[in-house]
Amino acid sequence: MTDNIENLVLEQLRAIRSDIASVKEDTREIKSRLIMVESGIASLRRDGGDFAASIADQHLRYDRLNDRIDRIEKRLELS
């Protein structure tokens, strides 16, 4: 009877060990995917910042061109 109980306990412990190994593997995969998502978000933020800087630069160029056009129109007495 004692041997039977010990075998049942050992069987349960092996099943628990197997489940824990599976959970560890799943956790590693989740961590790996999370790192990829975080890297993607960081890349998007960086690209968004670059895009905003590009738009600001274009806006500055547009303002300069408008100023030049205004000066030219004044010289030609068009305005």
PDB file of N, CA and C in Angstrom:
ATOM      1  N   MET A   1       0.827  -1.194   0.000  1.00  0.00           N
ATOM      2  CA  MET A   1       0.000   0.000   0.000  1.00  0.00           C
ATOM      3  C   MET A   1       0.868   1.253   0.000  1.00  0.00           C
ATOM      4  N   THR A   2       1.924   1.250   0.821  1.00  0.00           N
ATOM      5  CA  THR A   2       2.811   2.407   0.922  1.00  0.00           C
ATOM      6  C   THR A   2       3.507   2.648  -0.417  1.00  0.00           C
ATOM      7  N   ASP A   3       3.934   1.564  -1.071  1.00  0.00           N
ATOM      8  CA  ASP A   3       4.586   1.697  -2.380  1.00  0.00           C
ATOM      9  C   ASP A   3       3.641   2.320  -3.399  1.00  0.00           C
ATOM     10  N   ASN A   4       2.382   1.922  -3.342  1.00  0.00           N
ATOM     11  CA  ASN A   4       1.383   2.441  -4.268  1.00  0.00           C
ATOM     12  C   ASN A   4       1.186   3.947  -4.059  1.00  0.00           C
ATOM     13  N   ILE A   5       1.137   4.359  -2.796  1.00  0.00           N
ATOM     14  CA  ILE A   5       0.964   5.784  -2.481  1.00  0.00           C
ATOM     15  C   ILE A   5       2.195   6.571  -2.933  1.00  0.00           C
ATOM     16  N   GLU A   6       3.390   5.998  -2.701  1.00  0.00           N
ATOM     17  CA  GLU A   6       4.615   6.673  -3.125  1.00  0.00           C
ATOM     18  C   GLU A   6       4.660   6.828  -4.641  1.00  0.00           C
ATOM     19  N   ASN A   7       4.228   5.805  -5.360  1.00  0.00           N
ATOM     20  CA  ASN A   7       4.189   5.867  -6.821  1.00  0.00           C
ATOM     21  C   ASN A   7       3.210   6.952  -7.293  1.00  0.00           C
ATOM     22  N   LEU A   8       2.063   7.052  -6.634  1.00  0.00           N
ATOM     23  CA  LEU A   8       1.090   8.079  -6.996  1.00  0.00           C
ATOM     24  C   LEU A   8       1.656   9.477  -6.748  1.00  0.00           C
ATOM     25  N   VAL A   9       2.336   9.641  -5.626  1.00  0.00           N
ATOM     26  CA  VAL A   9       2.936  10.936  -5.297  1.00  0.00           C
ATOM     27  C   VAL A   9       4.019  11.273  -6.321  1.00  0.00           C
ATOM     28  N   LEU A  10       4.871  10.317  -6.626  1.00  0.00           N
ATOM     29  CA  LEU A  10       5.926  10.537  -7.615  1.00  0.00           C
ATOM     30  C   LEU A  10       5.336  10.872  -8.986  1.00  0.00           C
ATOM     31  N   GLU A  11       4.278  10.190  -9.342  1.00  0.00           N
ATOM     32  CA  GLU A  11       3.616  10.454 -10.620  1.00  0.00           C
ATOM     33  C   GLU A  11       3.075  11.888 -10.657  1.00  0.00           C
ATOM     34  N   GLN A  12       2.471  12.320  -9.578  1.00  0.00           N
ATOM     35  CA  GLN A  12       1.950  13.686  -9.501  1.00  0.00           C
ATOM     36  C   GLN A  12       3.086  14.715  -9.547  1.00  0.00           C
ATOM     37  N   LEU A  13       4.173  14.425  -8.841  1.00  0.00           N
ATOM     38  CA  LEU A  13       5.322  15.329  -8.854  1.00  0.00           C
ATOM     39  C   LEU A  13       5.920  15.434 -10.253  1.00  0.00           C
ATOM     40  N   ARG A  14       5.990  14.324 -10.968  1.00  0.00           N
ATOM     41  CA  ARG A  14       6.495  14.356 -12.348  1.00  0.00           C
ATOM     42  C   ARG A  14       5.575  15.185 -13.245  1.00  0.00           C
ATOM     43  N   ALA A  15       4.283  15.043 -13.057  1.00  0.00           N
ATOM     44  CA  ALA A  15       3.323  15.826 -13.847  1.00  0.00           C
ATOM     45  C   ALA A  15       3.476  17.317 -13.540  1.00  0.00           C
ATOM     46  N   ILE A  16       3.648  17.630 -12.270  1.00  0.00           N
ATOM     47  CA  ILE A  16       3.851  19.039 -11.872  1.00  0.00           C
ATOM     48  C   ILE A  16       5.137  19.568 -12.478  1.00  0.00           C
ATOM     49  N   ARG A  17       6.201  18.786 -12.435  1.00  0.00           N
ATOM     50  CA  ARG A  17       7.482  19.189 -13.013  1.00  0.00           C
ATOM     51  C   ARG A  17       7.339  19.444 -14.514  1.00  0.00           C
ATOM     52  N   SER A  18       6.613  18.583 -15.180  1.00  0.00           N
ATOM     53  CA  SER A  18       6.374  18.747 -16.613  1.00  0.00           C
ATOM     54  C   SER A  18       5.584  20.030 -16.902  1.00  0.00           C
ATOM     55  N   ASP A  19       4.559  20.277 -16.099  1.00  0.00           N
ATOM     56  CA  ASP A  19       3.754  21.495 -16.263  1.00  0.00           C
ATOM     57  C   ASP A  19       4.602  22.746 -16.026  1.00  0.00           C
ATOM     58  N   ILE A  20       5.461  22.701 -15.025  1.00  0.00           N
ATOM     59  CA  ILE A  20       6.323  23.843 -14.722  1.00  0.00           C
ATOM     60  C   ILE A  20       7.285  24.094 -15.883  1.00  0.00           C
ATOM     61  N   ALA A  21       7.838  23.038 -16.459  1.00  0.00           N
ATOM     62  CA  ALA A  21       8.734  23.184 -17.604  1.00  0.00           C
ATOM     63  C   ALA A  21       7.999  23.828 -18.775  1.00  0.00           C
ATOM     64  N   SER A  22       6.767  23.420 -18.986  1.00  0.00           N
ATOM     65  CA  SER A  22       5.955  23.997 -20.057  1.00  0.00           C
ATOM     66  C   SER A  22       5.679  25.479 -19.798  1.00  0.00           C
ATOM     67  N   VAL A  23       5.378  25.824 -18.571  1.00  0.00           N
ATOM     68  CA  VAL A  23       5.121  27.225 -18.214  1.00  0.00           C
ATOM     69  C   VAL A  23       6.384  28.055 -18.403  1.00  0.00           C
ATOM     70  N   LYS A  24       7.538  27.510 -18.032  1.00  0.00           N
ATOM     71  CA  LYS A  24       8.801  28.227 -18.223  1.00  0.00           C
ATOM     72  C   LYS A  24       9.050  28.499 -19.694  1.00  0.00           C
ATOM     73  N   GLU A  25       8.804  27.498 -20.526  1.00  0.00           N
ATOM     74  CA  GLU A  25       9.004  27.673 -21.961  1.00  0.00           C
ATOM     75  C   GLU A  25       8.050  28.737 -22.520  1.00  0.00           C
ATOM     76  N   ASP A  26       6.806  28.695 -22.109  1.00  0.00           N
ATOM     77  CA  ASP A  26       5.834  29.708 -22.546  1.00  0.00           C
ATOM     78  C   ASP A  26       6.246  31.104 -22.082  1.00  0.00           C
ATOM     79  N   THR A  27       6.744  31.195 -20.858  1.00  0.00           N
ATOM     80  CA  THR A  27       7.177  32.481 -20.320  1.00  0.00           C
ATOM     81  C   THR A  27       8.351  33.030 -21.118  1.00  0.00           C
ATOM     82  N   ARG A  28       9.284  32.187 -21.502  1.00  0.00           N
ATOM     83  CA  ARG A  28      10.419  32.620 -22.324  1.00  0.00           C
ATOM     84  C   ARG A  28       9.922  33.163 -23.659  1.00  0.00           C
ATOM     85  N   GLU A  29       8.979  32.452 -24.271  1.00  0.00           N
ATOM     86  CA  GLU A  29       8.435  32.900 -25.552  1.00  0.00           C
ATOM     87  C   GLU A  29       7.711  34.244 -25.406  1.00  0.00           C
ATOM     88  N   ILE A  30       6.948  34.394 -24.340  1.00  0.00           N
ATOM     89  CA  ILE A  30       6.231  35.651 -24.092  1.00  0.00           C
ATOM     90  C   ILE A  30       7.220  36.795 -23.892  1.00  0.00           C
ATOM     91  N   LYS A  31       8.267  36.557 -23.121  1.00  0.00           N
ATOM     92  CA  LYS A  31       9.281  37.589 -22.909  1.00  0.00           C
ATOM     93  C   LYS A  31       9.945  37.977 -24.222  1.00  0.00           C
ATOM     94  N   SER A  32      10.259  36.982 -25.034  1.00  0.00           N
ATOM     95  CA  SER A  32      10.891  37.243 -26.322  1.00  0.00           C
ATOM     96  C   SER A  32       9.979  38.095 -27.206  1.00  0.00           C
ATOM     97  N   ARG A  33       8.711  37.745 -27.259  1.00  0.00           N
ATOM     98  CA  ARG A  33       7.759  38.520 -28.066  1.00  0.00           C
ATOM     99  C   ARG A  33       7.572  39.925 -27.512  1.00  0.00           C
ATOM    100  N   LEU A  34       7.556  40.055 -26.206  1.00  0.00           N
ATOM    101  CA  LEU A  34       7.416  41.371 -25.586  1.00  0.00           C
ATOM    102  C   LEU A  34       8.602  42.263 -25.937  1.00  0.00           C
ATOM    103  N   ILE A  35       9.799  41.694 -25.940  1.00  0.00           N
ATOM    104  CA  ILE A  35      10.988  42.454 -26.320  1.00  0.00           C
ATOM    105  C   ILE A  35      10.858  42.929 -27.761  1.00  0.00           C
ATOM    106  N   MET A  36      10.346  42.067 -28.646  1.00  0.00           N
ATOM    107  CA  MET A  36      10.160  42.460 -30.042  1.00  0.00           C
ATOM    108  C   MET A  36       9.127  43.579 -30.160  1.00  0.00           C
ATOM    109  N   VAL A  37       8.048  43.502 -29.401  1.00  0.00           N
ATOM    110  CA  VAL A  37       7.024  44.547 -29.431  1.00  0.00           C
ATOM    111  C   VAL A  37       7.601  45.866 -28.922  1.00  0.00           C
ATOM    112  N   GLU A  38       8.345  45.811 -27.821  1.00  0.00           N
ATOM    113  CA  GLU A  38       8.953  47.028 -27.277  1.00  0.00           C
ATOM    114  C   GLU A  38       9.930  47.642 -28.268  1.00  0.00           C
ATOM    115  N   SER A  39      10.699  46.816 -28.953  1.00  0.00           N
ATOM    116  CA  SER A  39      11.634  47.317 -29.962  1.00  0.00           C
ATOM    117  C   SER A  39      10.880  47.977 -31.113  1.00  0.00           C
ATOM    118  N   GLY A  40       9.782  47.359 -31.513  1.00  0.00           N
ATOM    119  CA  GLY A  40       8.966  47.936 -32.581  1.00  0.00           C
ATOM    120  C   GLY A  40       8.382  49.284 -32.188  1.00  0.00           C
ATOM    121  N   ILE A  41       7.903  49.386 -30.966  1.00  0.00           N
ATOM    122  CA  ILE A  41       7.343  50.651 -30.480  1.00  0.00           C
ATOM    123  C   ILE A  41       8.422  51.721 -30.428  1.00  0.00           C
ATOM    124  N   ALA A  42       9.608  51.354 -29.947  1.00  0.00           N
ATOM    125  CA  ALA A  42      10.713  52.316 -29.895  1.00  0.00           C
ATOM    126  C   ALA A  42      11.066  52.792 -31.299  1.00  0.00           C
ATOM    127  N   SER A  43      11.061  51.885 -32.257  1.00  0.00           N
ATOM    128  CA  SER A  43      11.355  52.246 -33.641  1.00  0.00           C
ATOM    129  C   SER A  43      10.291  53.193 -34.189  1.00  0.00           C
ATOM    130  N   LEU A  44       9.037  52.912 -33.899  1.00  0.00           N
ATOM    131  CA  LEU A  44       7.951  53.791 -34.353  1.00  0.00           C
ATOM    132  C   LEU A  44       8.077  55.183 -33.742  1.00  0.00           C
ATOM    133  N   ARG A  45       8.418  55.244 -32.470  1.00  0.00           N
ATOM    134  CA  ARG A  45       8.592  56.544 -31.817  1.00  0.00           C
ATOM    135  C   ARG A  45       9.739  57.321 -32.449  1.00  0.00           C
ATOM    136  N   ARG A  46      10.814  56.620 -32.718  1.00  0.00           N
ATOM    137  CA  ARG A  46      11.979  57.256 -33.333  1.00  0.00           C
ATOM    138  C   ARG A  46      11.609  57.770 -34.727  1.00  0.00           C
ATOM    139  N   ASP A  47      10.924  56.932 -35.507  1.00  0.00           N
ATOM    140  CA  ASP A  47      10.503  57.344 -36.847  1.00  0.00           C
ATOM    141  C   ASP A  47       9.526  58.515 -36.779  1.00  0.00           C
ATOM    142  N   GLY A  48       8.622  58.495 -35.809  1.00  0.00           N
ATOM    143  CA  GLY A  48       7.676  59.594 -35.635  1.00  0.00           C
ATOM    144  C   GLY A  48       8.384  60.884 -35.301  1.00  0.00           C
ATOM    145  N   GLY A  49       9.396  60.808 -34.468  1.00  0.00           N
ATOM    146  CA  GLY A  49      10.182  61.991 -34.127  1.00  0.00           C
ATOM    147  C   GLY A  49      10.922  62.524 -35.339  1.00  0.00           C
ATOM    148  N   ASP A  50      11.484  61.614 -36.130  1.00  0.00           N
ATOM    149  CA  ASP A  50      12.171  62.039 -37.353  1.00  0.00           C
ATOM    150  C   ASP A  50      11.191  62.704 -38.314  1.00  0.00           C
ATOM    151  N   PHE A  51       9.996  62.136 -38.423  1.00  0.00           N
ATOM    152  CA  PHE A  51       8.976  62.687 -39.313  1.00  0.00           C
ATOM    153  C   PHE A  51       8.552  64.081 -38.853  1.00  0.00           C
ATOM    154  N   ALA A  52       8.361  64.243 -37.549  1.00  0.00           N
ATOM    155  CA  ALA A  52       7.968  65.555 -37.011  1.00  0.00           C
ATOM    156  C   ALA A  52       9.061  66.580 -37.270  1.00  0.00           C
ATOM    157  N   ALA A  53      10.300  66.182 -37.107  1.00  0.00           N
ATOM    158  CA  ALA A  53      11.414  67.103 -37.369  1.00  0.00           C
ATOM    159  C   ALA A  53      11.456  67.478 -38.846  1.00  0.00           C
ATOM    160  N   SER A  54      11.183  66.513 -39.706  1.00  0.00           N
ATOM    161  CA  SER A  54      11.166  66.777 -41.143  1.00  0.00           C
ATOM    162  C   SER A  54      10.058  67.766 -41.508  1.00  0.00           C
ATOM    163  N   ILE A  55       8.890  67.593 -40.918  1.00  0.00           N
ATOM    164  CA  ILE A  55       7.769  68.502 -41.177  1.00  0.00           C
ATOM    165  C   ILE A  55       8.106  69.903 -40.679  1.00  0.00           C
ATOM    166  N   ALA A  56       8.695  69.991 -39.505  1.00  0.00           N
ATOM    167  CA  ALA A  56       9.081  71.300 -38.962  1.00  0.00           C
ATOM    168  C   ALA A  56      10.089  71.972 -39.882  1.00  0.00           C
ATOM    169  N   ASP A  57      11.035  71.206 -40.405  1.00  0.00           N
ATOM    170  CA  ASP A  57      12.035  71.759 -41.319  1.00  0.00           C
ATOM    171  C   ASP A  57      11.381  72.248 -42.600  1.00  0.00           C
ATOM    172  N   GLN A  58      10.443  71.480 -43.143  1.00  0.00           N
ATOM    173  CA  GLN A  58       9.735  71.886 -44.356  1.00  0.00           C
ATOM    174  C   GLN A  58       8.903  73.141 -44.098  1.00  0.00           C
ATOM    175  N   HIS A  59       8.294  73.221 -42.929  1.00  0.00           N
ATOM    176  CA  HIS A  59       7.509  74.403 -42.587  1.00  0.00           C
ATOM    177  C   HIS A  59       8.406  75.642 -42.532  1.00  0.00           C
ATOM    178  N   LEU A  60       9.582  75.487 -41.978  1.00  0.00           N
ATOM    179  CA  LEU A  60      10.537  76.592 -41.912  1.00  0.00           C
ATOM    180  C   LEU A  60      10.945  77.028 -43.319  1.00  0.00           C
ATOM    181  N   ARG A  61      11.203  76.070 -44.188  1.00  0.00           N
ATOM    182  CA  ARG A  61      11.557  76.391 -45.579  1.00  0.00           C
ATOM    183  C   ARG A  61      10.410  77.112 -46.274  1.00  0.00           C
ATOM    184  N   TYR A  62       9.194  76.657 -46.025  1.00  0.00           N
ATOM    185  CA  TYR A  62       8.009  77.280 -46.612  1.00  0.00           C
ATOM    186  C   TYR A  62       7.893  78.731 -46.155  1.00  0.00           C
ATOM    187  N   ASP A  63       8.105  78.976 -44.865  1.00  0.00           N
ATOM    188  CA  ASP A  63       8.060  80.345 -44.337  1.00  0.00           C
ATOM    189  C   ASP A  63       9.123  81.218 -44.991  1.00  0.00           C
ATOM    190  N   ARG A  64      10.316  80.686 -45.158  1.00  0.00           N
ATOM    191  CA  ARG A  64      11.394  81.442 -45.800  1.00  0.00           C
ATOM    192  C   ARG A  64      11.033  81.787 -47.247  1.00  0.00           C
ATOM    193  N   LEU A  65      10.465  80.807 -47.955  1.00  0.00           N
ATOM    194  CA  LEU A  65      10.063  81.055 -49.335  1.00  0.00           C
ATOM    195  C   LEU A  65       8.978  82.129 -49.399  1.00  0.00           C
ATOM    196  N   ASN A  66       8.035  82.082 -48.495  1.00  0.00           N
ATOM    197  CA  ASN A  66       6.995  83.110 -48.446  1.00  0.00           C
ATOM    198  C   ASN A  66       7.594  84.488 -48.208  1.00  0.00           C
ATOM    199  N   ASP A  67       8.554  84.575 -47.312  1.00  0.00           N
ATOM    200  CA  ASP A  67       9.218  85.849 -47.042  1.00  0.00           C
ATOM    201  C   ASP A  67       9.938  86.363 -48.285  1.00  0.00           C
ATOM    202  N   ARG A  68      10.620  85.463 -48.979  1.00  0.00           N
ATOM    203  CA  ARG A  68      11.331  85.863 -50.197  1.00  0.00           C
ATOM    204  C   ARG A  68      10.354  86.340 -51.265  1.00  0.00           C
ATOM    205  N   ILE A  69       9.251  85.613 -51.417  1.00  0.00           N
ATOM    206  CA  ILE A  69       8.244  86.009 -52.409  1.00  0.00           C
ATOM    207  C   ILE A  69       7.674  87.385 -52.058  1.00  0.00           C
ATOM    208  N   ASP A  70       7.408  87.614 -50.780  1.00  0.00           N
ATOM    209  CA  ASP A  70       6.896  88.924 -50.350  1.00  0.00           C
ATOM    210  C   ASP A  70       7.879  90.041 -50.688  1.00  0.00           C
ATOM    211  N   ARG A  71       9.176  89.812 -50.441  1.00  0.00           N
ATOM    212  CA  ARG A  71      10.184  90.823 -50.751  1.00  0.00           C
ATOM    213  C   ARG A  71      10.274  91.074 -52.252  1.00  0.00           C
ATOM    214  N   ILE A  72      10.220  90.014 -53.035  1.00  0.00           N
ATOM    215  CA  ILE A  72      10.278  90.155 -54.500  1.00  0.00           C
ATOM    216  C   ILE A  72       9.066  90.941 -55.003  1.00  0.00           C
ATOM    217  N   GLU A  73       7.882  90.601 -54.472  1.00  0.00           N
ATOM    218  CA  GLU A  73       6.671  91.331 -54.882  1.00  0.00           C
ATOM    219  C   GLU A  73       6.770  92.808 -54.522  1.00  0.00           C
ATOM    220  N   LYS A  74       7.323  93.105 -53.380  1.00  0.00           N
ATOM    221  CA  LYS A  74       7.486  94.506 -52.977  1.00  0.00           C
ATOM    222  C   LYS A  74       8.449  95.232 -53.911  1.00  0.00           C
ATOM    223  N   ARG A  75       9.550  94.565 -54.259  1.00  0.00           N
ATOM    224  CA  ARG A  75      10.523  95.186 -55.166  1.00  0.00           C
ATOM    225  C   ARG A  75       9.907  95.459 -56.540  1.00  0.00           C
ATOM    226  N   LEU A  76       9.075  94.498 -56.966  1.00  0.00           N
ATOM    227  CA  LEU A  76       8.443  94.651 -58.279  1.00  0.00           C
ATOM    228  C   LEU A  76       7.154  95.469 -58.194  1.00  0.00           C
ATOM    229  N   GLU A  77       6.845  95.872 -56.994  1.00  0.00           N
ATOM    230  CA  GLU A  77       5.633  96.654 -56.716  1.00  0.00           C
ATOM    231  C   GLU A  77       4.374  95.926 -57.197  1.00  0.00           C
ATOM    232  N   LEU A  78       4.321  94.636 -56.889  1.00  0.00           N
ATOM    233  CA  LEU A  78       3.168  93.819 -57.260  1.00  0.00           C
ATOM    234  C   LEU A  78       2.141  93.736 -56.144  1.00  0.00           C
ATOM    235  N   SER A  79       2.537  94.062 -54.941  1.00  0.00           N
ATOM    236  CA  SER A  79       1.581  93.932 -53.852  1.00  0.00           C
ATOM    237  C   SER A  79       1.088  95.271 -53.379  1.00  0.00           C
TER     238      SER A  79
END
